[in-house]
N, C-alpha and C. Protein backbone atom coordinates (compact mmCIF):
# COMPACT_ATOMS: atom_id res chain seq x y z
N MET A 1 31.47 29.52 114.31
CA MET A 1 32.56 28.84 115.88
C MET A 1 31.85 28.96 116.66
N ILE A 2 30.47 29.23 116.40
CA ILE A 2 29.45 28.61 118.15
C ILE A 2 29.18 27.24 117.99
N ALA A 3 28.87 26.63 116.67
CA ALA A 3 28.77 25.94 116.12
C ALA A 3 29.90 25.01 116.65
N ALA A 4 30.70 24.43 116.54
CA ALA A 4 31.95 23.79 117.01
C ALA A 4 32.19 23.79 118.36
N ALA A 5 31.92 24.86 119.76
CA ALA A 5 32.15 24.77 120.47
C ALA A 5 30.75 23.58 121.01
N ILE A 6 29.62 23.95 120.94
CA ILE A 6 28.63 23.29 120.60
C ILE A 6 29.31 21.63 120.59
N LEU A 7 29.77 21.38 119.42
CA LEU A 7 29.67 19.82 118.69
C LEU A 7 30.70 19.33 119.74
N VAL A 8 32.32 20.43 120.47
CA VAL A 8 32.78 19.94 121.27
C VAL A 8 32.65 19.98 122.51
N LEU A 9 31.36 21.01 122.66
CA LEU A 9 31.11 20.66 124.00
C LEU A 9 30.61 18.85 124.67
N SER A 10 29.55 19.02 123.29
CA SER A 10 28.91 17.50 123.39
C SER A 10 29.25 16.53 123.35
N LEU A 11 30.72 16.52 122.86
CA LEU A 11 31.38 15.35 121.99
C LEU A 11 32.23 14.62 123.51
N GLY A 12 32.52 16.05 124.40
CA GLY A 12 33.01 15.88 125.60
C GLY A 12 31.88 15.04 127.12
N ALA A 13 30.87 16.22 126.66
CA ALA A 13 30.05 14.85 127.01
C ALA A 13 29.50 13.32 126.86
N LEU A 14 29.38 13.37 125.97
CA LEU A 14 29.40 12.16 125.75
C LEU A 14 30.45 10.90 126.25
N VAL A 15 31.52 11.35 125.89
CA VAL A 15 32.73 10.49 126.27
C VAL A 15 32.53 10.73 128.06
N GLN A 16 32.75 11.40 128.61
CA GLN A 16 32.01 11.20 130.13
C GLN A 16 31.35 10.32 129.86
N PHE A 17 29.91 9.77 129.52
CA PHE A 17 28.77 10.08 129.88
C PHE A 17 29.11 7.88 129.43
N PHE A 18 29.74 8.22 128.81
CA PHE A 18 30.87 6.69 128.27
C PHE A 18 30.89 6.26 129.25
N ILE A 19 32.27 7.39 130.20
CA ILE A 19 33.20 6.13 130.52
C ILE A 19 32.23 5.97 132.11
N SER A 20 32.02 6.69 132.22
CA SER A 20 31.02 7.11 133.64
C SER A 20 29.95 5.45 133.87
N TYR A 21 29.01 5.31 132.36
CA TYR A 21 28.28 4.19 132.20
C TYR A 21 29.63 2.65 132.10
N SER A 22 30.15 2.67 131.90
CA SER A 22 31.46 1.95 131.36
C SER A 22 31.76 0.96 132.39
N ARG A 23 32.18 2.19 133.99
CA ARG A 23 32.85 2.39 134.78
C ARG A 23 31.96 1.69 135.89
N SER A 24 30.72 2.43 135.69
CA SER A 24 29.53 1.47 136.30
C SER A 24 28.98 0.07 136.14
N LEU A 25 29.33 -0.62 134.97
CA LEU A 25 28.60 -1.89 134.56
C LEU A 25 30.18 -2.67 135.34
N VAL A 26 31.64 -1.81 135.37
CA VAL A 26 32.62 -2.61 135.37
C VAL A 26 32.54 -3.14 137.12
N ALA A 27 32.33 -2.24 137.86
CA ALA A 27 31.45 -1.94 139.10
C ALA A 27 30.88 -3.19 139.59
N ALA A 28 29.79 -3.28 138.53
CA ALA A 28 28.03 -4.07 139.34
C ALA A 28 28.91 -5.55 138.52
N ALA A 29 29.96 -5.89 137.96
CA ALA A 29 30.39 -6.98 137.61
C ALA A 29 31.48 -7.26 138.91
N ALA A 30 32.24 -6.74 139.24
CA ALA A 30 32.73 -6.70 140.76
C ALA A 30 32.38 -7.21 141.86
N ALA A 31 31.42 -6.54 141.92
CA ALA A 31 30.51 -7.37 143.19
C ALA A 31 29.96 -9.08 143.14
N GLN A 32 30.33 -9.73 141.81
CA GLN A 32 29.23 -10.50 141.75
C GLN A 32 30.94 -11.76 141.70
N PRO A 33 30.23 -12.75 142.26
CA PRO A 33 30.69 -14.12 141.91
C PRO A 33 31.04 -15.39 141.41
N LEU A 34 32.38 -15.08 141.02
CA LEU A 34 32.05 -16.59 139.99
C LEU A 34 32.05 -18.04 140.42
N SER A 35 31.20 -18.11 139.53
CA SER A 35 30.91 -20.19 139.72
C SER A 35 32.43 -20.64 139.97
N VAL A 36 32.20 -21.86 140.20
CA VAL A 36 34.02 -22.54 140.01
C VAL A 36 34.22 -22.98 138.50
N GLU A 37 32.59 -23.61 138.22
CA GLU A 37 32.75 -23.78 136.88
C GLU A 37 33.56 -23.15 135.80
N THR A 38 33.24 -21.62 136.08
CA THR A 38 33.16 -20.42 135.01
C THR A 38 34.91 -20.46 135.53
N GLN A 39 35.49 -20.14 136.50
CA GLN A 39 36.46 -20.26 136.95
C GLN A 39 37.28 -21.52 136.38
N GLU A 40 37.02 -22.19 136.55
CA GLU A 40 38.40 -23.51 135.58
C GLU A 40 38.46 -23.14 134.12
N VAL A 41 36.99 -23.09 133.75
CA VAL A 41 36.94 -22.49 132.44
C VAL A 41 37.61 -21.06 131.86
N ALA A 42 37.74 -20.56 132.48
CA ALA A 42 38.20 -19.09 132.15
C ALA A 42 39.80 -18.98 132.61
N GLY A 43 38.86 -20.37 133.50
CA GLY A 43 41.12 -20.28 133.91
C GLY A 43 41.62 -19.18 135.15
N ILE A 44 41.35 -18.64 135.72
CA ILE A 44 40.84 -17.72 136.40
C ILE A 44 40.16 -18.48 138.07
N SER A 45 41.15 -18.11 139.06
CA SER A 45 41.20 -18.25 140.59
C SER A 45 40.38 -17.10 141.13
N THR A 46 40.82 -16.18 141.41
CA THR A 46 39.98 -15.07 142.24
C THR A 46 40.05 -14.00 141.79
N SER A 47 40.91 -13.51 140.78
CA SER A 47 40.81 -12.53 140.01
C SER A 47 41.53 -12.74 138.75
N ALA A 48 40.90 -11.26 137.69
CA ALA A 48 41.34 -11.10 136.36
C ALA A 48 42.48 -10.78 135.97
N ARG A 49 43.40 -10.65 134.93
CA ARG A 49 44.46 -9.90 134.84
C ARG A 49 43.50 -9.17 134.07
N GLY A 50 44.88 -8.07 132.95
CA GLY A 50 43.93 -7.25 131.59
C GLY A 50 44.60 -8.47 130.60
N GLU A 51 45.33 -9.02 130.67
CA GLU A 51 45.75 -9.63 129.84
C GLU A 51 44.89 -10.63 129.51
N ASP A 52 44.17 -11.23 130.43
CA ASP A 52 42.85 -12.23 129.96
C ASP A 52 41.36 -12.00 128.74
N PHE A 53 41.72 -10.88 129.17
CA PHE A 53 40.46 -9.77 128.37
C PHE A 53 39.89 -10.57 126.63
N ALA A 54 41.03 -10.83 126.26
CA ALA A 54 41.08 -11.36 124.96
C ALA A 54 40.36 -12.47 124.55
N ARG A 55 41.31 -13.38 125.80
CA ARG A 55 40.78 -14.66 125.83
C ARG A 55 39.40 -14.64 126.25
N LEU A 56 39.13 -14.24 127.04
CA LEU A 56 37.57 -14.44 127.61
C LEU A 56 35.93 -13.99 127.47
N LEU A 57 37.25 -12.72 125.85
CA LEU A 57 36.37 -12.33 124.70
C LEU A 57 35.53 -13.63 124.31
N GLN A 58 36.77 -14.05 123.57
CA GLN A 58 36.89 -15.55 122.87
C GLN A 58 35.93 -16.36 123.00
N LEU A 59 35.60 -16.59 124.45
CA LEU A 59 35.23 -17.53 125.07
C LEU A 59 33.88 -17.62 125.21
N LEU A 60 33.33 -16.20 125.17
CA LEU A 60 32.14 -15.06 124.84
C LEU A 60 31.56 -15.46 123.84
N GLU A 61 32.39 -15.43 123.27
CA GLU A 61 32.00 -15.61 121.26
C GLU A 61 31.35 -17.08 120.82
N LEU A 62 31.90 -17.45 121.64
CA LEU A 62 31.26 -19.78 121.72
C LEU A 62 30.12 -19.92 122.59
N CYS A 63 29.82 -18.81 123.10
CA CYS A 63 28.26 -19.15 123.95
C CYS A 63 27.62 -17.99 123.48
N PRO A 64 26.10 -18.73 123.88
CA PRO A 64 24.66 -18.44 122.99
C PRO A 64 24.92 -17.04 123.80
N GLU A 65 24.19 -15.99 122.88
CA GLU A 65 23.99 -14.72 123.36
C GLU A 65 23.18 -14.53 124.38
N ARG A 66 23.54 -13.91 125.52
CA ARG A 66 21.74 -13.47 126.05
C ARG A 66 21.27 -12.38 125.17
N PRO A 67 19.83 -12.33 125.55
CA PRO A 67 18.80 -10.89 124.65
C PRO A 67 19.54 -9.80 125.59
N HIS A 68 19.72 -9.34 126.41
CA HIS A 68 20.30 -8.85 126.77
C HIS A 68 21.94 -7.49 126.50
N ASP A 69 22.91 -8.90 126.97
CA ASP A 69 24.23 -8.31 127.27
C ASP A 69 25.44 -8.11 126.20
N ARG A 70 24.59 -7.95 124.83
CA ARG A 70 25.23 -8.00 123.66
C ARG A 70 25.71 -5.99 124.01
N GLY A 71 24.89 -5.18 124.45
CA GLY A 71 25.57 -3.75 124.27
C GLY A 71 26.38 -3.49 125.21
N GLU A 72 26.62 -3.67 126.94
CA GLU A 72 27.23 -3.91 127.91
C GLU A 72 27.84 -4.64 128.06
N ILE A 73 28.81 -5.60 127.01
CA ILE A 73 29.77 -5.79 126.00
C ILE A 73 30.54 -5.42 125.38
N ARG A 74 29.83 -4.23 124.41
CA ARG A 74 30.20 -3.58 123.84
C ARG A 74 30.83 -2.55 123.96
N ALA A 75 30.40 -1.79 125.15
CA ALA A 75 30.94 -0.76 126.08
C ALA A 75 32.03 -1.38 126.68
N VAL A 76 32.31 -2.38 127.58
CA VAL A 76 33.20 -2.19 128.07
C VAL A 76 33.89 -2.62 127.43
N ARG A 77 34.01 -3.50 126.38
CA ARG A 77 35.58 -3.52 125.33
C ARG A 77 36.08 -2.58 124.38
N SER A 78 34.82 -1.32 124.66
CA SER A 78 35.46 -0.09 124.32
C SER A 78 36.10 0.63 125.31
N TYR A 79 35.60 0.84 126.60
CA TYR A 79 36.12 1.52 127.43
C TYR A 79 37.46 0.06 127.97
N PHE A 80 37.27 -0.69 127.40
CA PHE A 80 39.04 -1.94 127.72
C PHE A 80 39.99 -1.30 126.60
N ARG A 81 39.60 -0.81 125.77
CA ARG A 81 41.00 -0.60 124.05
C ARG A 81 40.62 1.17 124.47
N LEU A 82 39.71 2.21 125.47
CA LEU A 82 40.52 3.20 125.59
C LEU A 82 41.37 3.22 126.67
N VAL A 83 41.25 2.57 127.52
CA VAL A 83 42.40 2.44 128.87
C VAL A 83 43.68 1.80 128.19
N SER A 84 43.59 0.40 127.65
CA SER A 84 44.38 -0.07 126.95
C SER A 84 45.85 1.34 126.18
N ALA A 85 44.72 1.51 124.87
CA ALA A 85 45.73 3.08 124.29
C ALA A 85 45.75 3.89 125.40
N LEU A 86 45.51 4.73 126.31
CA LEU A 86 45.74 5.63 127.12
C LEU A 86 46.77 4.99 128.37
N ARG A 87 46.96 3.66 128.53
CA ARG A 87 48.07 2.91 129.00
C ARG A 87 49.45 2.88 128.78
N TRP A 88 49.25 2.63 127.23
CA TRP A 88 50.04 2.99 125.78
C TRP A 88 51.01 4.58 125.71
N SER A 89 49.67 5.40 126.55
CA SER A 89 50.20 6.78 126.21
C SER A 89 50.94 7.72 127.03
N LEU A 90 50.16 7.24 128.00
CA LEU A 90 50.09 7.88 129.24
C LEU A 90 50.79 7.69 130.41
N ALA A 91 51.56 5.97 130.07
CA ALA A 91 51.78 5.84 131.69
C ALA A 91 53.54 6.34 131.23
N ARG A 92 54.35 6.28 129.64
CA ARG A 92 55.17 6.85 130.13
C ARG A 92 55.58 8.42 130.40
N LEU A 93 54.46 9.37 130.15
CA LEU A 93 54.48 10.26 130.99
C LEU A 93 53.99 10.66 132.69
N LEU A 94 53.37 9.72 132.44
CA LEU A 94 52.49 9.60 133.69
C LEU A 94 52.77 8.01 134.71
N PRO A 95 53.96 8.05 134.92
CA PRO A 95 54.27 6.67 135.81
C PRO A 95 52.61 6.26 136.42
N SER A 96 52.45 6.99 137.36
CA SER A 96 51.69 6.75 138.51
C SER A 96 50.66 7.05 138.02
N LEU A 97 49.96 6.68 136.94
CA LEU A 97 48.45 6.02 136.59
C LEU A 97 48.85 5.05 136.33
N GLN A 98 50.03 3.87 135.88
CA GLN A 98 49.83 2.14 135.42
C GLN A 98 49.07 2.21 135.99
N PRO A 99 49.69 1.48 137.66
CA PRO A 99 48.26 0.92 138.55
C PRO A 99 46.95 0.77 138.62
N TRP A 100 46.99 2.04 138.25
CA TRP A 100 45.51 2.42 138.72
C TRP A 100 44.64 1.53 136.84
N MET A 101 44.76 2.30 135.72
CA MET A 101 45.14 1.86 134.42
C MET A 101 44.77 0.15 134.52
N GLU A 102 46.24 -0.58 134.85
CA GLU A 102 46.34 -2.40 135.24
C GLU A 102 45.30 -2.66 135.80
N ALA A 103 45.08 -2.12 137.05
CA ALA A 103 43.54 -2.15 137.58
C ALA A 103 42.32 -1.96 137.15
N GLN A 104 42.71 -1.55 136.01
CA GLN A 104 40.61 -1.23 135.19
C GLN A 104 40.65 -2.27 134.16
N ARG A 105 41.69 -2.40 133.30
CA ARG A 105 41.85 -3.70 132.65
C ARG A 105 41.73 -4.50 133.50
N ALA A 106 42.21 -5.17 134.65
CA ALA A 106 41.49 -6.48 135.71
C ALA A 106 40.31 -6.43 135.47
N GLN A 107 39.73 -4.94 136.14
CA GLN A 107 38.18 -5.11 136.22
C GLN A 107 37.81 -5.32 135.35
N CYS A 108 37.65 -5.04 134.16
CA CYS A 108 37.38 -5.35 132.24
C CYS A 108 37.57 -7.26 132.36
N ALA A 109 38.36 -7.02 132.42
CA ALA A 109 38.49 -8.66 132.44
C ALA A 109 37.57 -9.41 133.21
N TYR A 110 37.25 -9.13 134.72
CA TYR A 110 36.50 -9.78 135.73
C TYR A 110 34.82 -9.10 135.03
N PHE A 111 34.96 -8.40 134.79
CA PHE A 111 33.30 -8.07 133.59
C PHE A 111 33.11 -9.08 132.58
N ALA A 112 34.44 -9.99 132.34
CA ALA A 112 33.81 -10.27 130.40
C ALA A 112 34.07 -11.69 131.44
N ALA A 113 34.50 -12.41 132.71
CA ALA A 113 35.08 -13.43 133.15
C ALA A 113 32.78 -13.60 133.34
N VAL A 114 32.87 -12.59 134.14
CA VAL A 114 30.97 -12.97 134.78
C VAL A 114 30.35 -12.48 133.74
N ALA A 115 30.63 -12.40 132.72
CA ALA A 115 28.81 -12.15 131.22
C ALA A 115 29.74 -13.79 131.02
N LEU A 116 30.93 -14.45 130.98
CA LEU A 116 30.33 -15.39 130.44
C LEU A 116 29.63 -16.36 131.41
N ASP A 117 29.85 -15.94 132.91
CA ASP A 117 29.37 -17.36 134.31
C ASP A 117 27.59 -17.61 133.55
N ARG A 118 27.14 -15.41 133.17
CA ARG A 118 25.67 -15.54 133.01
C ARG A 118 25.93 -16.11 131.80
N ARG A 119 26.73 -16.40 130.67
CA ARG A 119 25.84 -16.83 129.38
C ARG A 119 25.59 -18.59 129.57
N ILE A 120 27.12 -18.72 130.76
CA ILE A 120 26.81 -20.47 130.96
C ILE A 120 25.32 -21.14 131.47
N ALA A 121 25.26 -19.93 132.22
CA ALA A 121 24.31 -20.26 133.10
C ALA A 121 22.76 -20.40 132.58
N PHE A 122 22.29 -19.14 131.71
CA PHE A 122 21.86 -18.90 130.51
C PHE A 122 21.70 -20.11 129.86
N SER A 123 22.84 -20.92 129.34
CA SER A 123 22.24 -21.91 127.94
C SER A 123 22.17 -23.29 128.87
N ARG A 124 22.64 -23.14 130.51
CA ARG A 124 21.76 -24.39 130.98
C ARG A 124 20.07 -24.16 131.13
N GLY A 125 20.26 -23.15 131.21
CA GLY A 125 18.72 -23.06 131.68
C GLY A 125 17.72 -22.94 129.88
N VAL A 126 18.08 -22.33 129.01
CA VAL A 126 17.64 -22.71 127.24
C VAL A 126 17.53 -24.48 127.29
N LEU A 127 18.74 -25.64 127.58
CA LEU A 127 18.64 -26.19 126.72
C LEU A 127 17.57 -27.20 128.56
N ALA A 128 17.59 -27.00 129.62
CA ALA A 128 16.88 -27.29 130.74
C ALA A 128 15.33 -27.45 130.16
N ALA A 129 15.27 -26.36 129.76
CA ALA A 129 13.77 -25.94 128.97
C ALA A 129 13.54 -26.55 128.34
N GLN A 130 14.59 -26.83 126.65
CA GLN A 130 14.24 -27.67 126.08
C GLN A 130 14.33 -28.99 126.67
N LEU A 131 14.55 -29.68 126.70
CA LEU A 131 14.41 -31.41 127.79
C LEU A 131 13.72 -31.46 128.17
N ASP A 132 12.81 -31.05 129.18
CA ASP A 132 11.48 -30.18 129.75
C ASP A 132 10.45 -30.53 129.10
N ASN A 133 10.93 -29.79 127.15
CA ASN A 133 9.96 -29.87 126.01
C ASN A 133 9.47 -30.77 126.15
N SER A 134 10.71 -32.03 125.45
CA SER A 134 10.47 -32.75 124.89
C SER A 134 10.43 -34.53 125.41
N ARG A 135 10.14 -34.07 126.71
CA ARG A 135 9.56 -35.49 127.26
C ARG A 135 8.60 -35.25 127.35
């Protein structure tokens, strides 16, 4: 019985840590501006919507990976899925949470746009280094 209680408390702490980590990633990305090129490629003017998230992830898959952003993208993708699942299950019971959930989904989409912007810049840097080395 004690082992089960420890397991439940540990899983609860892990979920709480995961949510805090994901929200900190999303908040850090929200402070970064998007380049004009990324706005055009992603079809985002000044703000993203939750519906843009899947399309932005597809665009991310087209770009070469940066060495250290795979885990961050995976964490925000999982957080987005969690918020989306809560949106469909809890929104009917607590409609006052709907605007908060939509804002969280939009922030996750903006994170994906910022990650796309970083990958585009990384690809440009790699290409410029290759061109310099070939000369």
